Protein backbone atom coordinates (compact mmCIF):
# COMPACT_ATOMS: atom_id res chain seq x y z
CA LEU A 1 -24.86 -11.88 8.21
CA MET A 2 -27.34 -14.26 9.31
CA ARG A 3 -26.59 -15.57 12.69
CA ALA A 4 -25.93 -19.20 11.50
CA GLN A 5 -23.74 -17.54 8.63
CA TRP A 6 -21.63 -15.70 11.19
CA GLN A 7 -20.99 -18.58 13.63
CA THR A 8 -19.92 -20.90 10.58
CA LEU A 9 -17.44 -18.03 9.32
CA ARG A 10 -16.02 -17.57 13.11
CA ALA A 11 -15.80 -21.14 13.10
CA LEU A 12 -13.83 -21.41 10.14
CA ALA A 13 -11.17 -18.45 11.44
CA ARG A 14 -10.96 -20.35 14.36
CA ARG A 15 -10.15 -23.33 12.50
CA ALA A 16 -7.73 -21.75 10.76
CA ARG A 17 -6.12 -20.30 13.31
CA GLU A 18 -5.57 -23.53 14.63
CA GLY A 19 -4.43 -24.98 11.98
CA PHE A 20 -7.29 -26.97 10.40
CA VAL A 21 -7.80 -25.06 7.43
CA LYS A 22 -5.04 -24.32 4.60
CA PRO A 23 -3.68 -20.48 4.54
CA ASN A 24 -5.20 -18.86 0.92
CA SER A 25 -8.01 -21.73 0.82
CA ALA A 26 -11.78 -20.25 -0.01
CA ARG A 27 -15.05 -20.94 1.37
CA PHE A 28 -18.38 -20.55 -0.44
CA ALA A 29 -22.13 -19.98 0.97
CA PRO A 30 -25.04 -17.81 0.02
CA LEU A 31 -24.81 -14.31 1.73
CA VAL A 32 -28.07 -13.26 2.37
CA LEU A 33 -29.33 -9.39 2.91
CA ASN A 34 -32.71 -8.20 2.59
CA GLY A 35 -33.87 -11.19 0.83
CA ARG A 36 -31.34 -10.74 -1.84
CA THR A 37 -29.05 -13.75 -2.28
CA PHE A 38 -25.26 -12.54 -3.14
CA ALA A 39 -22.68 -15.32 -4.14
CA SER A 40 -19.99 -14.75 -1.08
CA LYS A 41 -16.28 -16.33 -0.57
CA VAL A 42 -14.13 -16.61 2.26
CA ALA A 43 -10.86 -16.38 2.08
CA PHE A 44 -7.78 -17.35 4.56
CA ALA A 45 -4.56 -15.28 4.48
CA GLY A 46 -2.24 -15.61 7.32
CA GLY A 47 -4.52 -17.09 9.40
CA MET A 48 -6.75 -13.88 8.88
CA ALA A 49 -10.78 -14.16 7.09
CA ILE A 50 -11.70 -12.29 4.50
CA ILE A 51 -15.23 -11.99 2.92
CA ALA A 52 -16.00 -10.95 -0.42
CA GLY A 53 -19.37 -10.65 -1.89
CA HIS A 54 -21.22 -8.45 -5.14
CA GLY A 55 -22.28 -5.73 -3.63
CA VAL A 56 -21.09 -6.37 -0.27
CA GLN A 57 -17.54 -6.58 1.56
CA THR A 58 -16.22 -6.58 4.70
CA TYR A 59 -13.58 -8.75 6.93
CA GLY A 60 -13.18 -9.99 10.12
CA ALA A 61 -15.62 -8.54 13.01
CA CYS A 62 -16.95 -5.94 11.04
CA SER A 63 -20.39 -5.75 10.52
CA VAL A 64 -22.40 -5.80 7.33
CA ALA A 65 -25.08 -3.14 7.15
CA SER A 66 -28.42 -3.74 5.28
CA CYS A 67 -28.58 -2.74 1.53
CA SER A 68 -30.42 -0.02 0.60
CA PHE A 69 -30.89 1.51 -2.52
CA GLN A 70 -31.59 4.98 -1.13
CA HIS A 71 -28.23 5.20 -0.20
CA ASP A 72 -25.19 6.56 -2.91
CA VAL A 73 -24.49 3.19 -3.98
CA HIS A 74 -21.17 4.03 -5.59
CA ALA A 75 -19.70 5.86 -2.72
CA GLU A 76 -20.92 2.70 -0.51
CA LYS A 77 -18.96 0.35 -3.44
CA LYS A 78 -15.76 2.84 -3.46
CA ALA A 79 -16.07 2.87 0.56
CA GLY A 80 -16.31 -0.90 0.74
CA GLU A 81 -13.61 -1.14 -1.82
CA LYS A 82 -10.85 0.95 0.32
CA ARG A 83 -11.77 -0.81 3.49
CA LEU A 84 -10.98 -4.27 2.00
CA SER A 85 -7.94 -3.07 0.68
CA LYS A 86 -6.74 -1.87 3.71
CA GLN A 87 -7.68 -5.40 5.21
CA ILE A 88 -5.98 -7.28 2.33
CA ILE A 89 -2.61 -5.00 2.88
CA ASP A 90 -3.01 -5.96 6.87
CA ALA A 91 -3.36 -9.81 6.23
CA VAL A 92 -0.90 -10.32 3.65
CA TYR A 93 1.89 -8.54 5.91
CA THR A 94 0.68 -10.56 8.57
CA GLY A 95 3.65 -11.87 10.38
CA THR A 96 5.99 -9.48 8.03
CA ASP A 97 8.94 -7.96 10.58
CA SER A 98 7.22 -4.77 11.00
CA TYR A 99 10.71 -2.99 12.20
CA GLY A 100 12.32 -3.79 8.80
CA SER A 101 15.51 -5.00 10.45
CA ILE A 102 18.55 -6.06 7.92
CA SER A 103 22.15 -6.92 8.58
CA GLU A 104 25.13 -5.15 9.83
CA GLU A 105 26.36 -5.39 5.48
CA GLU A 106 23.40 -3.44 4.90
CA GLU A 107 23.26 -0.90 7.04
CA GLU A 108 26.74 0.22 5.97
CA GLU A 109 25.53 0.49 2.40
CA ILE A 110 22.44 2.64 3.76
CA LEU A 111 24.93 4.94 5.51
CA GLU A 112 27.36 5.47 2.63
CA SER A 113 24.69 6.08 0.49
CA GLY A 114 23.91 8.84 2.55
CA GLY A 115 20.85 7.83 4.45
CA HIS A 116 20.04 6.07 7.46
CA TRP A 117 18.93 2.67 8.34
CA ALA A 118 16.81 3.51 10.86
CA TYR A 119 12.86 2.00 9.98
CA GLY A 120 9.56 3.22 10.35
CA GLU A 121 6.43 3.76 7.72
CA ILE A 122 3.30 5.98 7.92
CA GLU A 123 0.31 4.31 9.27
CA MET A 124 -2.00 3.13 6.55
CA ASP A 125 -5.00 5.59 7.70
CA GLY A 126 -2.58 8.40 7.42
CA PHE A 127 -1.82 7.13 3.78
CA GLN A 128 -4.94 6.75 2.73
CA ALA A 129 -5.79 10.62 3.52
CA LEU A 130 -2.53 11.36 1.67
CA ILE A 131 -3.66 9.52 -1.60
CA GLU A 132 -7.02 10.68 -1.37
CA TYR A 133 -5.23 14.64 -0.95
CA MET A 134 -3.31 13.76 -4.16
CA SER A 135 -6.29 12.97 -5.83
CA MET A 136 -4.64 10.72 -8.78
CA ASP A 137 -6.23 9.60 -11.65
CA SER A 138 -6.01 6.99 -14.26
CA ASN A 139 -3.07 8.69 -16.04
CA SER A 140 -0.93 8.71 -12.59
CA VAL A 141 2.14 7.41 -11.42
CA PHE A 142 3.06 6.95 -7.87
CA CYS A 143 6.60 6.36 -6.81
CA ASP A 144 7.70 5.76 -3.05
CA LEU A 145 11.13 6.45 -2.38
CA GLY A 146 12.75 4.57 0.18
CA SER A 147 9.52 1.90 -0.03
CA GLY A 148 11.01 -0.16 3.00
CA LEU A 149 8.37 -3.48 2.98
CA GLY A 150 6.19 -1.58 0.29
CA LYS A 151 2.86 -1.64 1.94
CA SER A 152 2.48 1.99 1.06
CA VAL A 153 3.15 0.89 -2.82
CA ALA A 154 1.16 -2.04 -2.43
CA PHE A 155 -1.95 0.16 -0.95
CA ALA A 156 -1.49 2.80 -3.61
CA PHE A 157 -1.76 0.16 -5.91
CA MET A 158 -4.90 -1.37 -4.57
CA SER A 159 -6.44 1.80 -3.22
CA SER A 160 -6.06 4.46 -5.71
CA GLU A 161 -6.75 5.60 -9.25
CA CYS A 162 -3.60 5.27 -10.11
CA LYS A 163 -2.16 3.32 -13.17
CA CYS A 164 1.07 2.57 -11.60
CA ALA A 165 2.35 1.98 -7.99
CA ILE A 166 6.45 2.03 -7.60
CA GLY A 167 8.37 1.42 -4.57
CA VAL A 168 12.42 1.96 -4.32
CA GLU A 169 14.62 0.51 -1.77
CA LEU A 170 18.27 0.08 -1.45
CA SER A 171 17.80 -2.59 1.35
CA ALA A 172 17.80 -6.01 -0.16
CA THR A 173 16.47 -7.06 3.00
CA ARG A 174 13.30 -5.27 2.98
CA HIS A 175 13.20 -5.18 -0.95
CA ASN A 176 12.69 -9.26 -0.52
CA GLN A 177 10.18 -8.82 2.43
CA ALA A 178 8.24 -6.47 0.04
CA LYS A 179 8.40 -9.39 -2.53
CA ALA A 180 7.26 -11.93 -0.43
CA ALA A 181 4.26 -9.66 0.34
CA ALA A 182 3.56 -8.90 -3.08
CA GLU A 183 3.54 -12.76 -3.86
CA ARG A 184 0.92 -13.42 -1.13
CA LEU A 185 -0.91 -9.97 -2.68
CA VAL A 186 -1.38 -11.47 -5.82
CA LYS A 187 -2.61 -15.09 -4.28
CA VAL A 188 -5.11 -13.21 -2.60
CA ILE A 189 -6.81 -10.92 -5.48
CA ASN A 190 -6.85 -14.02 -7.55
CA LEU A 191 -8.71 -16.17 -4.97
CA LEU A 192 -10.99 -12.95 -4.45
CA ARG A 193 -11.53 -11.96 -7.54
CA GLN A 194 -11.10 -15.19 -9.54
CA ASP A 195 -14.34 -14.80 -11.58
CA ASP A 196 -12.67 -11.52 -13.53
CA ALA A 197 -11.35 -11.82 -16.54
CA ALA A 198 -8.25 -9.69 -15.53
CA SER A 199 -6.20 -12.00 -12.76
CA ALA A 200 -3.21 -10.88 -11.21
CA TRP A 201 0.28 -11.95 -12.11
CA LEU A 202 3.68 -11.65 -11.24
CA GLN A 203 7.08 -10.93 -13.39
CA GLU A 204 10.53 -10.66 -11.95
CA GLN A 205 13.32 -8.74 -14.22
CA GLN A 206 16.94 -9.07 -13.45
CA GLY A 207 18.61 -5.86 -14.59
CA CYS A 208 22.24 -4.67 -14.06
CA ASN A 209 21.59 -2.31 -11.45
CA THR A 210 17.91 -2.20 -10.82
CA PRO A 211 16.37 -5.57 -10.15
CA THR A 212 12.91 -5.27 -10.53
CA MET A 213 9.29 -7.20 -9.50
CA MET A 214 6.66 -6.56 -11.53
CA MET A 215 2.66 -6.70 -10.80
CA ARG A 216 -0.08 -6.56 -13.02
CA TRP A 217 -3.77 -6.67 -12.48
CA GLY A 218 -5.93 -5.87 -15.25
CA SER A 219 -4.72 -1.89 -16.40
CA LYS A 220 -2.67 -1.13 -13.22
CA GLU A 221 1.13 -2.08 -12.41
CA MET A 222 3.40 -2.27 -9.40
CA GLN A 223 6.65 -2.42 -8.89
CA LEU A 224 9.00 -3.28 -6.41
CA VAL A 225 12.39 -1.61 -7.57
CA HIS A 226 16.01 -2.84 -5.38
CA ALA A 227 17.80 0.79 -6.17
CA ASP A 228 19.23 3.63 -4.62
CA CYS A 229 16.43 6.57 -4.94
CA ASN A 230 19.48 8.91 -5.99
CA LYS A 231 20.09 6.95 -9.05
CA ILE A 232 17.23 6.08 -11.10
CA SER A 233 14.80 7.71 -13.61
CA MET A 234 11.36 8.64 -12.68
CA GLU A 235 10.72 9.92 -16.04
CA ARG A 236 6.94 8.70 -15.58
CA THR A 237 6.58 9.38 -12.43
CA THR A 238 3.70 12.08 -11.50
CA HIS A 239 3.06 11.91 -7.64
CA VAL A 240 5.72 11.18 -4.78
CA TYR A 241 6.28 10.31 -1.29
CA MET A 242 9.71 10.64 0.15
CA ALA A 243 9.88 9.27 4.07
CA ASN A 244 13.08 10.80 3.93
CA LEU A 245 12.90 12.09 7.92
CA THR A 246 16.61 9.90 8.36
CA TRP A 247 18.10 11.75 4.86
CA PRO A 248 20.77 14.62 5.17
CA GLU A 249 19.22 17.78 3.41
CA ALA A 250 21.64 18.01 1.00
CA ILE A 251 20.31 14.59 -0.13
CA VAL A 252 17.01 15.74 0.44
CA ASP A 253 17.87 18.79 -1.57
CA GLU A 254 18.97 16.76 -4.50
CA ILE A 255 16.60 14.24 -4.81
CA GLY A 256 13.86 17.62 -4.33
CA HIS A 257 16.08 18.86 -7.16
CA LYS A 258 15.56 16.32 -9.63
CA LEU A 259 11.93 15.76 -9.14
CA ASP A 260 11.40 19.17 -10.00
CA SER A 261 13.41 19.00 -13.19
CA ASN A 262 11.13 15.91 -14.10
CA PRO A 263 8.05 17.96 -16.20
CA SER A 264 5.87 14.92 -15.54
CA VAL A 265 6.13 15.54 -11.69
CA LYS A 266 2.85 17.09 -10.33
CA MET A 267 3.27 16.65 -6.30
CA VAL A 268 5.13 15.58 -4.23
CA ALA A 269 4.91 14.60 -0.01
CA SER A 270 7.78 14.91 1.88
CA LEU A 271 9.09 14.96 5.75
CA LYS A 272 11.25 16.99 5.51
CA ARG A 273 11.37 20.56 3.67
CA ILE A 274 13.05 20.65 0.12
CA SER A 275 15.19 24.02 0.11
CA GLU A 276 13.35 26.58 -2.19
CA LYS A 277 16.43 27.41 -3.69
CA ARG A 278 17.00 24.08 -5.88
CA LEU A 279 12.82 24.33 -7.03
CA ARG A 280 11.75 26.21 -9.96
CA ARG A 281 8.29 24.28 -10.88
CA LEU A 282 7.34 22.87 -7.26
CA ARG A 283 6.04 25.31 -4.63
CA GLN A 284 5.49 24.68 -1.21
CA CYS A 285 1.29 24.41 -1.23
CA ASP A 286 0.19 22.83 2.28
CA VAL A 287 1.13 21.04 5.28
CA LEU A 288 -0.58 17.42 6.66
CA TYR A 289 -0.08 16.23 9.80
CA LEU A 290 -0.29 12.33 9.87
CA PRO A 291 0.69 9.58 11.86
CA MET A 292 3.45 7.50 11.70
CA SER A 293 5.00 4.01 13.07
CA TRP A 294 7.34 5.54 15.54
CA GLN A 295 4.86 7.83 17.44
CA ASP A 296 2.72 7.07 20.43
CA ARG A 297 -0.83 6.93 19.40
CA ASN A 298 -1.99 8.27 22.90
CA THR A 299 0.09 11.38 22.81
CA VAL A 300 -1.95 14.92 22.10
CA SER A 301 0.37 15.91 19.44
CA TYR A 302 -0.19 12.61 17.22
CA GLY A 303 0.97 13.19 13.81
CA VAL A 304 4.13 14.08 11.99
CA PRO A 305 4.19 17.21 9.31
CA VAL A 306 4.06 16.26 5.79
CA TYR A 307 5.20 19.17 3.38
CA ILE A 308 3.20 19.08 0.41
CA TYR A 309 4.76 20.68 -3.09
CA SER A 310 2.74 21.11 -6.11
CA VAL A 311 3.17 22.98 -9.63
C-alpha cells in the first residue's frame, strides 16, 4: 500500500477501536499497485479492519506484495481468498466466548446423551489443512458433528469448494452463539461483496426436533442445526469431522457405523478411533496431527491425532 493509504487505514482502524467508526461500516479509496488502480474497500467487523480489492485482498497489518503477471495468478487468487476467509472468520468471532460456557442444565442434557460438556475446538490452521486434505468439490457436503460455536462450519463454508457445510450442536447456548456469528458473517460478506449479484442471506427454520439456521451465498449453503448428533439424518453428507475426544467409545462406534452405512459418505475425520468391527465400507487410511485449542503451542508434541477413514 502507498504510505498515505496505509496511514489512512491505520487511522480508520484506530478510530474504529475507539468507537468513532461504526462496526460493519465501509470506507472507499483507490488502491494503486504497479501503476494500476484497483477499487478497494475497508470494512470493520468487531473493530478489526478488512481490506478487499479486485485482485488484491489482505487484512490488518498484513503486507500487500507487488502484483506481477509472471506469477501464477490463479494460485495467488486462491491463496488470497483463503487468507481473507480466515481473517473474516477471526473478525466475526471476536468477543465470542471461546470456552463455550453453558448452563448446568445444558451440561446435564449433554451428559444424559452420553457426551461430555467440556469444550475445545480445532485451530483454524489445522482445520484448513484438514479440508485441503479432504479435497472437497462442488458436489461435497461437509458436516461437523458437535460443531460448538460453528467456527469450523463457517470456515468450511468460506474456504472449501463444498456446496454445503452443516454443523450439528446439542447445546442451545453454543448453537445460539454460532447463529449470532453467522449473522455477523452475512453482514461482512454482503459488505465486502455487495457488487456481486449473489448476496448472502439467512433463513431460520423451526422444526419439532431440529431448529435450523440456513445461510445461502450464491450456490453455497451453510446450516446450523440444534440437535443430537446421533438422532439426525445425514443422507446428503459426503465428508464428516467429529471432535469426539470426550465421547464414550460406544457412541463413537455407533455414529461411525451409521456413517459407514450411509452410501454418500466418502471420508470421516475422527479424534477417536472407530472400531473396525462396526465398519464395512470405510477403512482407516491415514492419521493427521492437527493443533487443537486446549494444547500448549510451545510443546514439542504439538498436534492431536485425527484418524482419517475413507472408502
